[in-house]
Amino acid sequence: MSYEISKNITIRRTEDDWEFSFSSNEYGTVTVYLNEGLESMHGETTAIHIPKDCIQHFIDALRSFQ
């Protein structure tokens, strides 16, 4: 029997009907989903996969926009 422990984080903006969902897999790859149109049946999802060895570079790039 095997188990998987995962961490999921969601940032949701209900006023504008979108959310960012962050999750990771057993290899440390982080996936960021942008879900738009949450209230409709035809919402769109865009995903980016960030390899474990690139996460810090991704964070640094985002911090440069602060």
N, C-alpha and C. Protein backbone atom coordinates (compact mmCIF):
# COMPACT_ATOMS: atom_id res chain seq x y z
N MET A 1 0.84 -1.17 0.00
CA MET A 1 0.00 0.00 0.00
C MET A 1 0.89 1.24 0.00
N SER A 2 0.59 2.20 -0.85
CA SER A 2 1.37 3.43 -0.89
C SER A 2 0.46 4.63 -0.70
N TYR A 3 1.04 5.68 -0.21
CA TYR A 3 0.31 6.91 0.07
C TYR A 3 1.03 8.07 -0.59
N GLU A 4 0.28 9.06 -0.94
CA GLU A 4 0.86 10.28 -1.48
C GLU A 4 0.36 11.45 -0.65
N ILE A 5 1.29 12.25 -0.17
CA ILE A 5 0.94 13.45 0.60
C ILE A 5 1.24 14.63 -0.31
N SER A 6 0.26 15.47 -0.49
CA SER A 6 0.46 16.61 -1.38
C SER A 6 0.00 17.89 -0.69
N LYS A 7 0.48 18.97 -1.21
CA LYS A 7 0.14 20.28 -0.70
C LYS A 7 -0.52 21.05 -1.84
N ASN A 8 -1.68 21.62 -1.57
CA ASN A 8 -2.38 22.42 -2.57
C ASN A 8 -2.70 23.78 -1.97
N ILE A 9 -2.48 24.81 -2.76
CA ILE A 9 -2.77 26.18 -2.33
C ILE A 9 -3.60 26.82 -3.43
N THR A 10 -4.65 27.54 -3.04
CA THR A 10 -5.51 28.20 -4.02
C THR A 10 -5.65 29.67 -3.66
N ILE A 11 -5.49 30.52 -4.66
CA ILE A 11 -5.76 31.96 -4.54
C ILE A 11 -6.97 32.22 -5.41
N ARG A 12 -8.07 32.64 -4.81
CA ARG A 12 -9.31 32.83 -5.56
C ARG A 12 -9.79 34.27 -5.46
N ARG A 13 -10.22 34.81 -6.58
CA ARG A 13 -10.81 36.15 -6.64
C ARG A 13 -12.22 35.99 -7.17
N THR A 14 -13.18 35.89 -6.27
CA THR A 14 -14.55 35.61 -6.67
C THR A 14 -15.18 36.77 -7.43
N GLU A 15 -14.78 38.00 -7.12
CA GLU A 15 -15.36 39.16 -7.80
C GLU A 15 -15.06 39.15 -9.30
N ASP A 16 -13.89 38.64 -9.68
CA ASP A 16 -13.49 38.60 -11.09
C ASP A 16 -13.56 37.19 -11.69
N ASP A 17 -14.00 36.21 -10.88
CA ASP A 17 -14.26 34.85 -11.36
C ASP A 17 -13.02 34.12 -11.88
N TRP A 18 -11.92 34.16 -11.11
CA TRP A 18 -10.71 33.41 -11.47
C TRP A 18 -10.03 32.90 -10.21
N GLU A 19 -9.11 31.95 -10.40
CA GLU A 19 -8.30 31.45 -9.30
C GLU A 19 -6.98 30.89 -9.83
N PHE A 20 -5.97 30.93 -8.98
CA PHE A 20 -4.71 30.24 -9.22
C PHE A 20 -4.67 29.07 -8.25
N SER A 21 -4.38 27.88 -8.75
CA SER A 21 -4.23 26.69 -7.90
C SER A 21 -2.81 26.17 -8.07
N PHE A 22 -2.14 25.94 -6.96
CA PHE A 22 -0.76 25.44 -6.95
C PHE A 22 -0.78 24.03 -6.36
N SER A 23 -0.09 23.11 -7.00
CA SER A 23 0.04 21.75 -6.48
C SER A 23 1.40 21.21 -6.86
N SER A 24 1.79 20.13 -6.20
CA SER A 24 3.08 19.52 -6.54
C SER A 24 2.90 18.01 -6.60
N ASN A 25 3.81 17.36 -7.33
CA ASN A 25 3.75 15.90 -7.43
C ASN A 25 4.92 15.28 -6.68
N GLU A 26 5.05 13.97 -6.77
CA GLU A 26 6.09 13.26 -6.02
C GLU A 26 7.50 13.58 -6.48
N TYR A 27 7.65 14.20 -7.65
CA TYR A 27 8.97 14.57 -8.17
C TYR A 27 9.36 16.01 -7.81
N GLY A 28 8.46 16.73 -7.13
CA GLY A 28 8.74 18.10 -6.76
C GLY A 28 8.38 19.11 -7.82
N THR A 29 7.77 18.68 -8.90
CA THR A 29 7.33 19.60 -9.94
C THR A 29 6.09 20.33 -9.45
N VAL A 30 6.12 21.65 -9.53
CA VAL A 30 4.97 22.46 -9.12
C VAL A 30 4.16 22.79 -10.37
N THR A 31 2.85 22.63 -10.26
CA THR A 31 1.96 22.99 -11.35
C THR A 31 1.09 24.14 -10.88
N VAL A 32 1.02 25.17 -11.72
CA VAL A 32 0.18 26.33 -11.45
C VAL A 32 -0.93 26.33 -12.48
N TYR A 33 -2.17 26.29 -11.99
CA TYR A 33 -3.33 26.33 -12.86
C TYR A 33 -4.00 27.69 -12.73
N LEU A 34 -4.32 28.31 -13.86
CA LEU A 34 -5.15 29.50 -13.88
C LEU A 34 -6.52 29.06 -14.36
N ASN A 35 -7.50 29.18 -13.51
CA ASN A 35 -8.87 28.80 -13.85
C ASN A 35 -9.69 30.07 -13.99
N GLU A 36 -10.23 30.30 -15.16
CA GLU A 36 -11.05 31.48 -15.42
C GLU A 36 -12.46 31.04 -15.77
N GLY A 37 -13.44 31.83 -15.36
CA GLY A 37 -14.83 31.48 -15.65
C GLY A 37 -15.32 30.37 -14.73
N LEU A 38 -15.02 30.49 -13.44
CA LEU A 38 -15.39 29.45 -12.48
C LEU A 38 -16.89 29.27 -12.37
N GLU A 39 -17.64 30.33 -12.57
CA GLU A 39 -19.09 30.27 -12.40
C GLU A 39 -19.81 29.73 -13.63
N SER A 40 -19.13 29.65 -14.76
CA SER A 40 -19.78 29.15 -15.98
C SER A 40 -19.34 27.70 -16.23
N MET A 41 -20.09 27.02 -17.06
CA MET A 41 -19.73 25.63 -17.40
C MET A 41 -18.62 25.58 -18.43
N HIS A 42 -18.28 26.71 -19.03
CA HIS A 42 -17.28 26.75 -20.09
C HIS A 42 -16.01 27.48 -19.65
N GLY A 43 -15.65 27.31 -18.39
CA GLY A 43 -14.45 27.94 -17.88
C GLY A 43 -13.21 27.40 -18.58
N GLU A 44 -12.15 28.17 -18.53
CA GLU A 44 -10.89 27.78 -19.17
C GLU A 44 -9.81 27.59 -18.12
N THR A 45 -8.96 26.62 -18.35
CA THR A 45 -7.84 26.34 -17.46
C THR A 45 -6.54 26.36 -18.25
N THR A 46 -5.56 27.07 -17.74
CA THR A 46 -4.23 27.10 -18.31
C THR A 46 -3.27 26.58 -17.25
N ALA A 47 -2.33 25.73 -17.63
CA ALA A 47 -1.39 25.16 -16.66
C ALA A 47 0.05 25.40 -17.08
N ILE A 48 0.89 25.67 -16.09
CA ILE A 48 2.33 25.70 -16.31
C ILE A 48 2.97 24.75 -15.30
N HIS A 49 3.96 24.00 -15.75
CA HIS A 49 4.66 23.04 -14.91
C HIS A 49 6.07 23.56 -14.67
N ILE A 50 6.44 23.70 -13.40
CA ILE A 50 7.73 24.25 -13.03
C ILE A 50 8.57 23.13 -12.40
N PRO A 51 9.65 22.71 -13.05
CA PRO A 51 10.49 21.65 -12.50
C PRO A 51 11.11 22.07 -11.16
N LYS A 52 11.36 21.09 -10.32
CA LYS A 52 11.89 21.35 -8.98
C LYS A 52 13.14 22.22 -9.00
N ASP A 53 14.04 21.98 -9.95
CA ASP A 53 15.29 22.75 -9.98
C ASP A 53 15.12 24.15 -10.55
N CYS A 54 13.91 24.52 -10.95
CA CYS A 54 13.66 25.85 -11.51
C CYS A 54 12.78 26.71 -10.60
N ILE A 55 12.28 26.12 -9.52
CA ILE A 55 11.33 26.85 -8.67
C ILE A 55 11.91 28.14 -8.12
N GLN A 56 13.15 28.10 -7.63
CA GLN A 56 13.74 29.31 -7.06
C GLN A 56 13.88 30.40 -8.11
N HIS A 57 14.24 30.05 -9.33
CA HIS A 57 14.34 31.05 -10.41
C HIS A 57 12.96 31.65 -10.69
N PHE A 58 11.93 30.83 -10.65
CA PHE A 58 10.57 31.30 -10.87
C PHE A 58 10.17 32.29 -9.77
N ILE A 59 10.47 31.94 -8.52
CA ILE A 59 10.17 32.83 -7.39
C ILE A 59 10.94 34.14 -7.52
N ASP A 60 12.22 34.07 -7.86
CA ASP A 60 13.03 35.27 -8.03
C ASP A 60 12.47 36.19 -9.11
N ALA A 61 12.01 35.59 -10.20
CA ALA A 61 11.43 36.38 -11.29
C ALA A 61 10.16 37.09 -10.82
N LEU A 62 9.31 36.40 -10.08
CA LEU A 62 8.09 37.01 -9.56
C LEU A 62 8.40 38.14 -8.58
N ARG A 63 9.41 37.92 -7.73
CA ARG A 63 9.79 38.96 -6.75
C ARG A 63 10.28 40.23 -7.44
N SER A 64 10.87 40.08 -8.60
CA SER A 64 11.38 41.27 -9.31
C SER A 64 10.23 42.19 -9.75
N PHE A 65 9.01 41.68 -9.77
CA PHE A 65 7.85 42.49 -10.14
C PHE A 65 7.20 43.17 -8.94
N GLN A 66 7.65 42.87 -7.74
CA GLN A 66 7.04 43.49 -6.54
C GLN A 66 7.36 44.96 -6.48
